[in-house]
Amino acid sequence: MQHFASDNYAGICPEALAALVAANVGHAPAYGEDEWTRRAADRLRALFETDCDVYFAFNGTAANSLALAALCQSYHSVVCHELAHVDTDECGGPEFFSNGSKLLPAKGENGKLTPEALREVIARRSDIHYPKPRVATLTQATEVGTVYRPAEIAAVAEVAHAHGLRVHMDGARFANAVAALGVAPADLTWRAGVDVLCFGGTKMGLPVGEAVVFFERALAEDFAWRCKQAGQLASKMRFLSAPWLGVLEDGAWLRHAAHANAMARRLADGLAALPAARLLFPVEANGVFVELPPAVVDGLRGRGWRFYTFIGAGGARFMCAWDTQPERVDALLADLQALAA
């Protein structure tokens, strides 16, 4: 049965699974020296239209934490939105792997870090007793389901770079943002000023794995050693990288993301017709945040629906995945209508 608690609930998409099985062909070099890892990295370079440096990690927490650690010394700080996943849901991973770099949360409407908020945090203090701002991080799509446009990213990056900060992007749902905006991946990353992207694979249908993409190769110095030390260097790396080939080579990653977005829009349109429901944020990717009466929330759970009410800025969160069925969206809406009545 399909649920809406998380897009992590979904299984492996057919393209990724086929590529995984196809890579299971006897012996192959270990630790990333295999042809699948090489081809996947080359395919990502082609996708982003630049000679980036690519590494594969098991999960998003490791990808984000190690990428930020590569940009920071222990006495530095990272400016993020107050709802950013790196601050609210990584169990201190960025601080741990950077040996203490402090996260400095900032406010912003619709889950977005703004140039003004970044400038305020940077200017807050410059004395030696305060951790020196070194990185600005953006979550794409945001933790409340909105997306940064290229111009918004560029505006933040301009302020960051003018003050000597690097720009990191947590792209756990980067595919959904690209599908929502219909722009080239490069336009949402290095062309807009992003230095490092953590490209989420798991939520777009891979069994496991994220790609850490350094658009400035010099920033990736010794990153392979960071991955090894953190337990993120897969011995049988081909099984981590091959699924990327499955979703990238024929555009499946974008089709699946567009489908998830469409299912979220279908749900949001249905909710808009219910007087008891109030959408909390624009529905731009694959997440829907809605305020519901407590009795309706309890009633849905009583009918077996799984969803979260503690994510982001409150309300009930419903996530759609690459495989969400329209019939399940309609069934959820039917129960919501019955309970609200």
C-alpha atoms as a PDB file:
ATOM      1  CA  MET A   1       0.000   0.000   0.000  1.00  0.00           C
ATOM      2  CA  GLN A   2       1.316   3.438  -0.927  1.00  0.00           C
ATOM      3  CA  HIS A   3       1.608   6.133   1.733  1.00  0.00           C
ATOM      4  CA  PHE A   4       2.524   9.809   1.782  1.00  0.00           C
ATOM      5  CA  ALA A   5       4.841  10.031   4.787  1.00  0.00           C
ATOM      6  CA  SER A   6       8.008  10.200   2.692  1.00  0.00           C
ATOM      7  CA  ASP A   7       9.275   9.702  -0.837  1.00  0.00           C
ATOM      8  CA  ASN A   8      11.791   7.378   0.839  1.00  0.00           C
ATOM      9  CA  TYR A   9       8.957   4.866   1.182  1.00  0.00           C
ATOM     10  CA  ALA A  10       9.029   4.157  -2.557  1.00  0.00           C
ATOM     11  CA  GLY A  11      10.917   1.214  -4.001  1.00  0.00           C
ATOM     12  CA  ILE A  12      13.567   1.159  -6.695  1.00  0.00           C
ATOM     13  CA  CYS A  13      12.472   2.489 -10.070  1.00  0.00           C
ATOM     14  CA  PRO A  14      12.677  -0.022 -12.961  1.00  0.00           C
ATOM     15  CA  GLU A  15      15.512   1.767 -14.740  1.00  0.00           C
ATOM     16  CA  ALA A  16      17.736   1.843 -11.668  1.00  0.00           C
ATOM     17  CA  LEU A  17      16.963  -1.772 -10.809  1.00  0.00           C
ATOM     18  CA  ALA A  18      17.747  -2.950 -14.334  1.00  0.00           C
ATOM     19  CA  ALA A  19      21.074  -1.117 -14.268  1.00  0.00           C
ATOM     20  CA  LEU A  20      21.890  -2.596 -10.868  1.00  0.00           C
ATOM     21  CA  VAL A  21      21.220  -6.134 -12.088  1.00  0.00           C
ATOM     22  CA  ALA A  22      23.168  -5.508 -15.303  1.00  0.00           C
ATOM     23  CA  ALA A  23      26.221  -4.515 -13.250  1.00  0.00           C
ATOM     24  CA  ASN A  24      26.167  -7.857 -11.440  1.00  0.00           C
ATOM     25  CA  VAL A  25      28.363  -9.610 -13.991  1.00  0.00           C
ATOM     26  CA  GLY A  26      31.113 -11.369 -12.109  1.00  0.00           C
ATOM     27  CA  HIS A  27      34.298  -9.633 -11.024  1.00  0.00           C
ATOM     28  CA  ALA A  28      35.069  -5.948 -11.459  1.00  0.00           C
ATOM     29  CA  PRO A  29      37.630  -3.602  -9.889  1.00  0.00           C
ATOM     30  CA  ALA A  30      36.692  -2.359  -6.422  1.00  0.00           C
ATOM     31  CA  TYR A  31      36.552   1.028  -4.683  1.00  0.00           C
ATOM     32  CA  GLY A  32      35.341   2.998  -7.684  1.00  0.00           C
ATOM     33  CA  GLU A  33      37.866   1.761 -10.231  1.00  0.00           C
ATOM     34  CA  ASP A  34      35.111   0.081 -12.265  1.00  0.00           C
ATOM     35  CA  GLU A  35      33.611   1.114 -15.609  1.00  0.00           C
ATOM     36  CA  TRP A  36      30.128   1.816 -14.168  1.00  0.00           C
ATOM     37  CA  THR A  37      31.458   4.424 -11.752  1.00  0.00           C
ATOM     38  CA  ARG A  38      33.525   6.044 -14.483  1.00  0.00           C
ATOM     39  CA  ARG A  39      30.569   6.134 -16.871  1.00  0.00           C
ATOM     40  CA  ALA A  40      28.195   7.486 -14.215  1.00  0.00           C
ATOM     41  CA  ALA A  41      30.610  10.293 -13.345  1.00  0.00           C
ATOM     42  CA  ASP A  42      31.050  11.126 -17.029  1.00  0.00           C
ATOM     43  CA  ARG A  43      27.285  11.120 -17.504  1.00  0.00           C
ATOM     44  CA  LEU A  44      26.897  13.625 -14.664  1.00  0.00           C
ATOM     45  CA  ARG A  45      29.560  15.835 -16.247  1.00  0.00           C
ATOM     46  CA  ALA A  46      27.594  15.755 -19.484  1.00  0.00           C
ATOM     47  CA  LEU A  47      24.359  16.503 -17.626  1.00  0.00           C
ATOM     48  CA  PHE A  48      25.856  19.559 -15.936  1.00  0.00           C
ATOM     49  CA  GLU A  49      27.766  20.606 -19.064  1.00  0.00           C
ATOM     50  CA  THR A  50      31.036  21.100 -17.212  1.00  0.00           C
ATOM     51  CA  ASP A  51      34.126  19.221 -16.046  1.00  0.00           C
ATOM     52  CA  CYS A  52      33.004  18.666 -12.441  1.00  0.00           C
ATOM     53  CA  ASP A  53      34.469  16.253  -9.911  1.00  0.00           C
ATOM     54  CA  VAL A  54      32.011  13.551  -8.801  1.00  0.00           C
ATOM     55  CA  TYR A  55      31.900  11.273  -5.740  1.00  0.00           C
ATOM     56  CA  PHE A  56      29.232   8.794  -4.648  1.00  0.00           C
ATOM     57  CA  ALA A  57      28.109   8.442  -1.038  1.00  0.00           C
ATOM     58  CA  PHE A  58      25.581   6.131   0.581  1.00  0.00           C
ATOM     59  CA  ASN A  59      23.160   8.749   1.916  1.00  0.00           C
ATOM     60  CA  GLY A  60      22.309  12.416   2.084  1.00  0.00           C
ATOM     61  CA  THR A  61      23.517  13.003   5.622  1.00  0.00           C
ATOM     62  CA  ALA A  62      27.001  11.845   4.700  1.00  0.00           C
ATOM     63  CA  ALA A  63      26.991  13.709   1.390  1.00  0.00           C
ATOM     64  CA  ASN A  64      25.979  17.021   2.961  1.00  0.00           C
ATOM     65  CA  SER A  65      28.163  16.653   6.026  1.00  0.00           C
ATOM     66  CA  LEU A  66      31.304  15.713   4.110  1.00  0.00           C
ATOM     67  CA  ALA A  67      30.743  18.366   1.444  1.00  0.00           C
ATOM     68  CA  LEU A  68      30.355  21.087   4.072  1.00  0.00           C
ATOM     69  CA  ALA A  69      33.367  19.771   5.963  1.00  0.00           C
ATOM     70  CA  ALA A  70      35.412  20.063   2.774  1.00  0.00           C
ATOM     71  CA  LEU A  71      34.536  23.759   2.615  1.00  0.00           C
ATOM     72  CA  CYS A  72      35.056  24.606   6.295  1.00  0.00           C
ATOM     73  CA  GLN A  73      37.613  24.630   9.023  1.00  0.00           C
ATOM     74  CA  SER A  74      36.450  23.928  12.562  1.00  0.00           C
ATOM     75  CA  TYR A  75      36.361  27.637  13.409  1.00  0.00           C
ATOM     76  CA  HIS A  76      34.094  28.478  10.449  1.00  0.00           C
ATOM     77  CA  SER A  77      30.316  28.647  10.251  1.00  0.00           C
ATOM     78  CA  VAL A  78      27.635  27.716   7.716  1.00  0.00           C
ATOM     79  CA  VAL A  79      24.663  30.002   7.077  1.00  0.00           C
ATOM     80  CA  CYS A  80      21.449  28.098   6.383  1.00  0.00           C
ATOM     81  CA  HIS A  81      17.697  28.631   6.478  1.00  0.00           C
ATOM     82  CA  GLU A  82      16.185  27.860   9.873  1.00  0.00           C
ATOM     83  CA  LEU A  83      14.248  24.931   8.359  1.00  0.00           C
ATOM     84  CA  ALA A  84      17.198  23.559   6.379  1.00  0.00           C
ATOM     85  CA  HIS A  85      17.599  19.798   6.587  1.00  0.00           C
ATOM     86  CA  VAL A  86      21.288  20.170   7.480  1.00  0.00           C
ATOM     87  CA  ASP A  87      20.246  21.957  10.663  1.00  0.00           C
ATOM     88  CA  THR A  88      17.036  20.168  11.664  1.00  0.00           C
ATOM     89  CA  ASP A  89      17.528  16.573  10.512  1.00  0.00           C
ATOM     90  CA  GLU A  90      21.205  15.619  10.249  1.00  0.00           C
ATOM     91  CA  CYS A  91      21.780  14.819  13.953  1.00  0.00           C
ATOM     92  CA  GLY A  92      24.744  17.186  14.076  1.00  0.00           C
ATOM     93  CA  GLY A  93      26.470  15.495  11.136  1.00  0.00           C
ATOM     94  CA  PRO A  94      27.835  18.702   9.540  1.00  0.00           C
ATOM     95  CA  GLU A  95      29.272  19.835  12.870  1.00  0.00           C
ATOM     96  CA  PHE A  96      30.724  16.394  13.600  1.00  0.00           C
ATOM     97  CA  PHE A  97      32.495  15.884  10.274  1.00  0.00           C
ATOM     98  CA  SER A  98      33.809  19.466  10.186  1.00  0.00           C
ATOM     99  CA  ASN A  99      35.139  19.118  13.741  1.00  0.00           C
ATOM    100  CA  GLY A 100      32.873  21.858  14.994  1.00  0.00           C
ATOM    101  CA  SER A 101      31.830  24.297  12.250  1.00  0.00           C
ATOM    102  CA  LYS A 102      28.741  26.048  13.593  1.00  0.00           C
ATOM    103  CA  LEU A 103      25.448  26.272  11.713  1.00  0.00           C
ATOM    104  CA  LEU A 104      23.916  29.757  11.755  1.00  0.00           C
ATOM    105  CA  PRO A 105      20.171  29.616  10.920  1.00  0.00           C
ATOM    106  CA  ALA A 106      18.441  32.520   9.210  1.00  0.00           C
ATOM    107  CA  LYS A 107      14.797  33.295   8.521  1.00  0.00           C
ATOM    108  CA  GLY A 108      13.163  33.542   5.107  1.00  0.00           C
ATOM    109  CA  GLU A 109       9.703  33.134   3.622  1.00  0.00           C
ATOM    110  CA  ASN A 110       8.674  29.834   2.026  1.00  0.00           C
ATOM    111  CA  GLY A 111      11.716  28.021   3.344  1.00  0.00           C
ATOM    112  CA  LYS A 112      14.201  30.075   1.334  1.00  0.00           C
ATOM    113  CA  LEU A 113      17.435  31.755   2.380  1.00  0.00           C
ATOM    114  CA  THR A 114      17.475  35.277   0.962  1.00  0.00           C
ATOM    115  CA  PRO A 115      20.376  37.577   0.090  1.00  0.00           C
ATOM    116  CA  GLU A 116      19.207  40.001   2.782  1.00  0.00           C
ATOM    117  CA  ALA A 117      19.123  37.311   5.474  1.00  0.00           C
ATOM    118  CA  LEU A 118      22.545  36.042   4.418  1.00  0.00           C
ATOM    119  CA  ARG A 119      23.967  39.547   4.491  1.00  0.00           C
ATOM    120  CA  GLU A 120      22.551  40.137   7.965  1.00  0.00           C
ATOM    121  CA  VAL A 121      24.125  36.971   9.369  1.00  0.00           C
ATOM    122  CA  ILE A 122      27.481  37.726   7.760  1.00  0.00           C
ATOM    123  CA  ALA A 123      27.464  41.270   9.146  1.00  0.00           C
ATOM    124  CA  ARG A 124      26.282  40.238  12.604  1.00  0.00           C
ATOM    125  CA  ARG A 125      29.791  39.891  13.998  1.00  0.00           C
ATOM    126  CA  SER A 126      33.319  39.866  12.664  1.00  0.00           C
ATOM    127  CA  ASP A 127      35.338  39.536  15.852  1.00  0.00           C
ATOM    128  CA  ILE A 128      37.610  36.624  16.613  1.00  0.00           C
ATOM    129  CA  HIS A 129      35.266  35.296  19.309  1.00  0.00           C
ATOM    130  CA  TYR A 130      32.612  34.344  16.743  1.00  0.00           C
ATOM    131  CA  PRO A 131      32.785  31.549  14.158  1.00  0.00           C
ATOM    132  CA  LYS A 132      33.659  33.061  10.791  1.00  0.00           C
ATOM    133  CA  PRO A 133      30.986  32.553   8.081  1.00  0.00           C
ATOM    134  CA  ARG A 134      32.449  30.412   5.333  1.00  0.00           C
ATOM    135  CA  VAL A 135      29.548  28.719   3.505  1.00  0.00           C
ATOM    136  CA  ALA A 136      25.981  29.510   2.517  1.00  0.00           C
ATOM    137  CA  THR A 137      23.862  26.423   1.964  1.00  0.00           C
ATOM    138  CA  LEU A 138      20.606  26.182   0.019  1.00  0.00           C
ATOM    139  CA  THR A 139      18.097  23.315   0.098  1.00  0.00           C
ATOM    140  CA  GLN A 140      16.659  22.536  -3.355  1.00  0.00           C
ATOM    141  CA  ALA A 141      13.762  21.812  -3.276  1.00  0.00           C
ATOM    142  CA  THR A 142      13.249  23.384   0.151  1.00  0.00           C
ATOM    143  CA  GLU A 143      11.989  21.610   3.237  1.00  0.00           C
ATOM    144  CA  VAL A 144       8.543  23.116   2.642  1.00  0.00           C
ATOM    145  CA  GLY A 145       8.276  22.057  -0.987  1.00  0.00           C
ATOM    146  CA  THR A 146       9.190  25.309  -2.724  1.00  0.00           C
ATOM    147  CA  VAL A 147      11.963  25.751  -5.280  1.00  0.00           C
ATOM    148  CA  TYR A 148      14.675  28.334  -5.843  1.00  0.00           C
ATOM    149  CA  ARG A 149      14.659  29.958  -9.294  1.00  0.00           C
ATOM    150  CA  PRO A 150      18.025  30.530 -10.997  1.00  0.00           C
ATOM    151  CA  ALA A 151      17.873  34.255 -10.259  1.00  0.00           C
ATOM    152  CA  GLU A 152      17.222  33.590  -6.564  1.00  0.00           C
ATOM    153  CA  ILE A 153      20.223  31.268  -6.357  1.00  0.00           C
ATOM    154  CA  ALA A 154      22.403  33.745  -8.210  1.00  0.00           C
ATOM    155  CA  ALA A 155      21.392  36.568  -5.852  1.00  0.00           C
ATOM    156  CA  VAL A 156      22.381  34.528  -2.789  1.00  0.00           C
ATOM    157  CA  ALA A 157      25.598  33.367  -4.455  1.00  0.00           C
ATOM    158  CA  GLU A 158      26.547  36.916  -5.361  1.00  0.00           C
ATOM    159  CA  VAL A 159      26.361  38.009  -1.734  1.00  0.00           C
ATOM    160  CA  ALA A 160      28.148  34.874  -0.561  1.00  0.00           C
ATOM    161  CA  HIS A 161      31.035  35.143  -2.999  1.00  0.00           C
ATOM    162  CA  ALA A 162      31.405  38.878  -2.396  1.00  0.00           C
ATOM    163  CA  HIS A 163      32.070  38.072   1.264  1.00  0.00           C
ATOM    164  CA  GLY A 164      34.368  35.114   0.637  1.00  0.00           C
ATOM    165  CA  LEU A 165      31.778  32.384   1.245  1.00  0.00           C
ATOM    166  CA  ARG A 166      31.266  29.265  -0.831  1.00  0.00           C
ATOM    167  CA  VAL A 167      27.790  28.054  -1.882  1.00  0.00           C
ATOM    168  CA  HIS A 168      26.636  24.520  -1.135  1.00  0.00           C
ATOM    169  CA  MET A 169      23.355  23.054  -2.341  1.00  0.00           C
ATOM    170  CA  ASP A 170      21.548  20.240  -0.564  1.00  0.00           C
ATOM    171  CA  GLY A 171      19.814  18.693  -3.555  1.00  0.00           C
ATOM    172  CA  ALA A 172      18.024  15.765  -1.966  1.00  0.00           C
ATOM    173  CA  ARG A 173      15.099  16.673  -4.259  1.00  0.00           C
ATOM    174  CA  PHE A 174      17.131  18.460  -6.914  1.00  0.00           C
ATOM    175  CA  ALA A 175      15.445  16.368  -9.624  1.00  0.00           C
ATOM    176  CA  ASN A 176      12.028  17.647  -8.544  1.00  0.00           C
ATOM    177  CA  ALA A 177      13.257  21.234  -8.732  1.00  0.00           C
ATOM    178  CA  VAL A 178      14.669  20.758 -12.231  1.00  0.00           C
ATOM    179  CA  ALA A 179      11.442  19.127 -13.384  1.00  0.00           C
ATOM    180  CA  ALA A 180       9.342  21.874 -11.813  1.00  0.00           C
ATOM    181  CA  LEU A 181      11.253  24.720 -13.445  1.00  0.00           C
ATOM    182  CA  GLY A 182      12.040  23.117 -16.778  1.00  0.00           C
ATOM    183  CA  VAL A 183      15.572  24.505 -16.871  1.00  0.00           C
ATOM    184  CA  ALA A 184      18.973  22.911 -17.419  1.00  0.00           C
ATOM    185  CA  PRO A 185      20.637  21.452 -14.306  1.00  0.00           C
ATOM    186  CA  ALA A 186      23.562  23.800 -14.937  1.00  0.00           C
ATOM    187  CA  ASP A 187      21.235  26.798 -14.640  1.00  0.00           C
ATOM    188  CA  LEU A 188      20.325  25.782 -11.077  1.00  0.00           C
ATOM    189  CA  THR A 189      23.910  25.092 -10.038  1.00  0.00           C
ATOM    190  CA  TRP A 190      27.259  26.351 -11.298  1.00  0.00           C
ATOM    191  CA  ARG A 191      25.877  28.906 -13.746  1.00  0.00           C
ATOM    192  CA  ALA A 192      24.022  30.489 -10.815  1.00  0.00           C
ATOM    193  CA  GLY A 193      27.066  30.360  -8.543  1.00  0.00           C
ATOM    194  CA  VAL A 194      26.753  27.019  -6.723  1.00  0.00           C
ATOM    195  CA  ASP A 195      30.159  25.560  -5.863  1.00  0.00           C
ATOM    196  CA  VAL A 196      29.134  22.118  -4.589  1.00  0.00           C
ATOM    197  CA  LEU A 197      25.924  20.129  -5.093  1.00  0.00           C
ATOM    198  CA  CYS A 198      24.764  17.059  -3.205  1.00  0.00           C
ATOM    199  CA  PHE A 199      22.543  15.453  -5.859  1.00  0.00           C
ATOM    200  CA  GLY A 200      19.965  13.175  -4.276  1.00  0.00           C
ATOM    201  CA  GLY A 201      19.504   9.771  -5.862  1.00  0.00           C
ATOM    202  CA  THR A 202      17.456   7.897  -3.301  1.00  0.00           C
ATOM    203  CA  LYS A 203      14.350  10.040  -3.559  1.00  0.00           C
ATOM    204  CA  MET A 204      14.288   9.840  -7.351  1.00  0.00           C
ATOM    205  CA  GLY A 205      14.186   6.055  -7.441  1.00  0.00           C
ATOM    206  CA  LEU A 206      17.662   4.733  -6.680  1.00  0.00           C
ATOM    207  CA  PRO A 207      18.046   1.989  -4.072  1.00  0.00           C
ATOM    208  CA  VAL A 208      20.689   4.016  -2.238  1.00  0.00           C
ATOM    209  CA  GLY A 209      23.194   6.717  -3.007  1.00  0.00           C
ATOM    210  CA  GLU A 210      23.839  10.418  -3.522  1.00  0.00           C
ATOM    211  CA  ALA A 211      26.343  12.156  -5.782  1.00  0.00           C
ATOM    212  CA  VAL A 212      28.580  14.916  -4.441  1.00  0.00           C
ATOM    213  CA  VAL A 213      29.402  17.192  -7.365  1.00  0.00           C
ATOM    214  CA  PHE A 214      32.216  19.743  -7.058  1.00  0.00           C
ATOM    215  CA  PHE A 215      31.956  22.334  -9.815  1.00  0.00           C
ATOM    216  CA  GLU A 216      35.328  23.733  -8.797  1.00  0.00           C
ATOM    217  CA  ARG A 217      37.666  20.763  -8.679  1.00  0.00           C
ATOM    218  CA  ALA A 218      40.134  22.414  -6.312  1.00  0.00           C
ATOM    219  CA  LEU A 219      37.488  22.304  -3.574  1.00  0.00           C
ATOM    220  CA  ALA A 220      37.494  18.498  -3.738  1.00  0.00           C
ATOM    221  CA  GLU A 221      41.109  18.170  -2.631  1.00  0.00           C
ATOM    222  CA  ASP A 222      41.456  14.994  -0.544  1.00  0.00           C
ATOM    223  CA  PHE A 223      37.679  14.433  -0.634  1.00  0.00           C
ATOM    224  CA  ALA A 224      38.223  10.768  -1.442  1.00  0.00           C
ATOM    225  CA  TRP A 225      40.050  10.418   1.881  1.00  0.00           C
ATOM    226  CA  ARG A 226      37.155  12.101   3.686  1.00  0.00           C
ATOM    227  CA  CYS A 227      34.782   9.565   2.159  1.00  0.00           C
ATOM    228  CA  LYS A 228      37.007   6.662   3.162  1.00  0.00           C
ATOM    229  CA  GLN A 229      37.442   7.875   6.731  1.00  0.00           C
ATOM    230  CA  ALA A 230      33.687   8.391   7.089  1.00  0.00           C
ATOM    231  CA  GLY A 231      32.850   4.902   5.879  1.00  0.00           C
ATOM    232  CA  GLN A 232      31.445   6.221   2.597  1.00  0.00           C
ATOM    233  CA  LEU A 233      33.855   4.542   0.181  1.00  0.00           C
ATOM    234  CA  ALA A 234      31.921   1.560  -1.164  1.00  0.00           C
ATOM    235  CA  SER A 235      34.123  -1.450  -1.819  1.00  0.00           C
ATOM    236  CA  LYS A 236      31.705  -2.701  -4.489  1.00  0.00           C
ATOM    237  CA  MET A 237      31.170   0.814  -5.808  1.00  0.00           C
ATOM    238  CA  ARG A 238      29.615  -0.342  -9.068  1.00  0.00           C
ATOM    239  CA  PHE A 239      26.419  -1.207  -7.210  1.00  0.00           C
ATOM    240  CA  LEU A 240      26.259   2.357  -5.886  1.00  0.00           C
ATOM    241  CA  SER A 241      26.993   4.037  -9.209  1.00  0.00           C
ATOM    242  CA  ALA A 242      25.352   1.754 -11.791  1.00  0.00           C
ATOM    243  CA  PRO A 243      21.771   2.736 -10.842  1.00  0.00           C
ATOM    244  CA  TRP A 244      22.676   6.318 -11.745  1.00  0.00           C
ATOM    245  CA  LEU A 245      23.313   5.171 -15.299  1.00  0.00           C
ATOM    246  CA  GLY A 246      19.870   3.613 -15.400  1.00  0.00           C
ATOM    247  CA  VAL A 247      18.071   6.846 -14.532  1.00  0.00           C
ATOM    248  CA  LEU A 248      20.366   9.283 -16.322  1.00  0.00           C
ATOM    249  CA  GLU A 249      20.911   7.703 -19.719  1.00  0.00           C
ATOM    250  CA  ASP A 250      17.358   8.055 -21.033  1.00  0.00           C
ATOM    251  CA  GLY A 251      16.053  10.867 -18.824  1.00  0.00           C
ATOM    252  CA  ALA A 252      14.115   8.634 -16.419  1.00  0.00           C
ATOM    253  CA  TRP A 253      15.248  10.764 -13.471  1.00  0.00           C
ATOM    254  CA  LEU A 254      13.413  13.777 -14.891  1.00  0.00           C
ATOM    255  CA  ARG A 255      10.295  11.863 -15.923  1.00  0.00           C
ATOM    256  CA  HIS A 256       9.939  10.302 -12.492  1.00  0.00           C
ATOM    257  CA  ALA A 257      10.444  13.662 -10.769  1.00  0.00           C
ATOM    258  CA  ALA A 258       7.856  15.295 -13.020  1.00  0.00           C
ATOM    259  CA  HIS A 259       5.380  12.533 -12.168  1.00  0.00           C
ATOM    260  CA  ALA A 260       5.932  13.010  -8.424  1.00  0.00           C
ATOM    261  CA  ASN A 261       5.412  16.749  -8.852  1.00  0.00           C
ATOM    262  CA  ALA A 262       2.229  16.159 -10.832  1.00  0.00           C
ATOM    263  CA  MET A 263       0.835  13.908  -8.107  1.00  0.00           C
ATOM    264  CA  ALA A 264       1.525  16.599  -5.509  1.00  0.00           C
ATOM    265  CA  ARG A 265      -0.281  19.115  -7.701  1.00  0.00           C
ATOM    266  CA  ARG A 266      -3.213  16.708  -8.035  1.00  0.00           C
ATOM    267  CA  LEU A 267      -3.398  16.417  -4.265  1.00  0.00           C
ATOM    268  CA  ALA A 268      -3.087  20.174  -3.761  1.00  0.00           C
ATOM    269  CA  ASP A 269      -5.856  20.881  -6.263  1.00  0.00           C
ATOM    270  CA  GLY A 270      -8.133  18.471  -4.418  1.00  0.00           C
ATOM    271  CA  LEU A 271      -7.296  20.015  -1.060  1.00  0.00           C
ATOM    272  CA  ALA A 272      -8.062  23.493  -2.380  1.00  0.00           C
ATOM    273  CA  ALA A 273     -11.690  22.407  -2.748  1.00  0.00           C
ATOM    274  CA  LEU A 274     -11.955  21.446   0.937  1.00  0.00           C
ATOM    275  CA  PRO A 275     -12.960  24.343   3.243  1.00  0.00           C
ATOM    276  CA  ALA A 276     -11.378  22.548   6.215  1.00  0.00           C
ATOM    277  CA  ALA A 277      -7.939  22.448   4.559  1.00  0.00           C
ATOM    278  CA  ARG A 278      -5.490  25.320   4.156  1.00  0.00           C
ATOM    279  CA  LEU A 279      -2.344  24.984   2.084  1.00  0.00           C
ATOM    280  CA  LEU A 280       0.597  26.399   4.037  1.00  0.00           C
ATOM    281  CA  PHE A 281       3.072  26.871   1.172  1.00  0.00           C
ATOM    282  CA  PRO A 282       3.056  27.008  -2.623  1.00  0.00           C
ATOM    283  CA  VAL A 283       3.149  23.467  -4.036  1.00  0.00           C
ATOM    284  CA  GLU A 284       6.071  23.591  -6.450  1.00  0.00           C
ATOM    285  CA  ALA A 285       7.770  20.210  -6.134  1.00  0.00           C
ATOM    286  CA  ASN A 286       6.538  16.885  -4.711  1.00  0.00           C
ATOM    287  CA  GLY A 287       5.526  17.939  -1.198  1.00  0.00           C
ATOM    288  CA  VAL A 288       2.224  19.301   0.082  1.00  0.00           C
ATOM    289  CA  PHE A 289       1.966  21.050   3.442  1.00  0.00           C
ATOM    290  CA  VAL A 290      -1.548  21.612   4.698  1.00  0.00           C
ATOM    291  CA  GLU A 291      -3.242  22.701   7.905  1.00  0.00           C
ATOM    292  CA  LEU A 292      -6.026  20.292   8.866  1.00  0.00           C
ATOM    293  CA  PRO A 293      -8.348  20.122  11.883  1.00  0.00           C
ATOM    294  CA  PRO A 294      -6.967  17.759  14.563  1.00  0.00           C
ATOM    295  CA  ALA A 295     -10.007  15.499  14.169  1.00  0.00           C
ATOM    296  CA  VAL A 296      -9.251  15.073  10.475  1.00  0.00           C
ATOM    297  CA  VAL A 297      -5.584  14.290  11.187  1.00  0.00           C
ATOM    298  CA  ASP A 298      -6.599  11.672  13.746  1.00  0.00           C
ATOM    299  CA  GLY A 299      -9.243  10.292  11.422  1.00  0.00           C
ATOM    300  CA  LEU A 300      -6.778   9.827   8.582  1.00  0.00           C
ATOM    301  CA  ARG A 301      -4.394   7.967  10.838  1.00  0.00           C
ATOM    302  CA  GLY A 302      -7.278   5.883  12.100  1.00  0.00           C
ATOM    303  CA  ARG A 303      -7.958   4.873   8.506  1.00  0.00           C
ATOM    304  CA  GLY A 304      -4.355   3.741   8.063  1.00  0.00           C
ATOM    305  CA  TRP A 305      -2.784   6.717   6.293  1.00  0.00           C
ATOM    306  CA  ARG A 306       0.817   7.528   7.175  1.00  0.00           C
ATOM    307  CA  PHE A 307       2.126  11.097   7.010  1.00  0.00           C
ATOM    308  CA  TYR A 308       4.174  13.448   9.162  1.00  0.00           C
ATOM    309  CA  THR A 309       3.092  16.428  11.213  1.00  0.00           C
ATOM    310  CA  PHE A 310       6.470  17.451  12.646  1.00  0.00           C
ATOM    311  CA  ILE A 311       8.387  18.227   9.448  1.00  0.00           C
ATOM    312  CA  GLY A 312       9.272  21.734   8.296  1.00  0.00           C
ATOM    313  CA  ALA A 313       7.041  24.500   9.602  1.00  0.00           C
ATOM    314  CA  GLY A 314       4.201  22.409  10.945  1.00  0.00           C
ATOM    315  CA  GLY A 315       0.927  21.218   9.504  1.00  0.00           C
ATOM    316  CA  ALA A 316       0.546  17.849   7.813  1.00  0.00           C
ATOM    317  CA  ARG A 317       3.105  16.940   5.165  1.00  0.00           C
ATOM    318  CA  PHE A 318       2.213  14.664   2.278  1.00  0.00           C
ATOM    319  CA  MET A 319       5.062  13.565   0.012  1.00  0.00           C
ATOM    320  CA  CYS A 320       4.571  12.107  -3.449  1.00  0.00           C
ATOM    321  CA  ALA A 321       7.127   9.763  -5.006  1.00  0.00           C
ATOM    322  CA  TRP A 322       8.190   8.608  -8.453  1.00  0.00           C
ATOM    323  CA  ASP A 323       5.659   5.763  -8.278  1.00  0.00           C
ATOM    324  CA  THR A 324       2.696   7.489  -6.575  1.00  0.00           C
ATOM    325  CA  GLN A 325      -0.508   6.272  -8.174  1.00  0.00           C
ATOM    326  CA  PRO A 326      -3.252   8.772  -9.051  1.00  0.00           C
ATOM    327  CA  GLU A 327      -5.762   6.351  -7.531  1.00  0.00           C
ATOM    328  CA  ARG A 328      -4.034   6.597  -4.154  1.00  0.00           C
ATOM    329  CA  VAL A 329      -4.118  10.387  -4.300  1.00  0.00           C
ATOM    330  CA  ASP A 330      -7.823  10.255  -5.070  1.00  0.00           C
ATOM    331  CA  ALA A 331      -8.430   7.751  -2.268  1.00  0.00           C
ATOM    332  CA  LEU A 332      -6.671  10.045   0.189  1.00  0.00           C
ATOM    333  CA  LEU A 333      -8.762  12.984  -1.003  1.00  0.00           C
ATOM    334  CA  ALA A 334     -11.944  10.927  -0.639  1.00  0.00           C
ATOM    335  CA  ASP A 335     -11.098  10.124   2.977  1.00  0.00           C
ATOM    336  CA  LEU A 336     -10.215  13.749   3.647  1.00  0.00           C
ATOM    337  CA  GLN A 337     -13.543  14.874   2.234  1.00  0.00           C
ATOM    338  CA  ALA A 338     -15.462  12.321   4.251  1.00  0.00           C
ATOM    339  CA  LEU A 339     -13.695  13.237   7.476  1.00  0.00           C
ATOM    340  CA  ALA A 340     -14.006  16.974   6.910  1.00  0.00           C
ATOM    341  CA  ALA A 341     -17.747  16.583   6.348  1.00  0.00           C
END
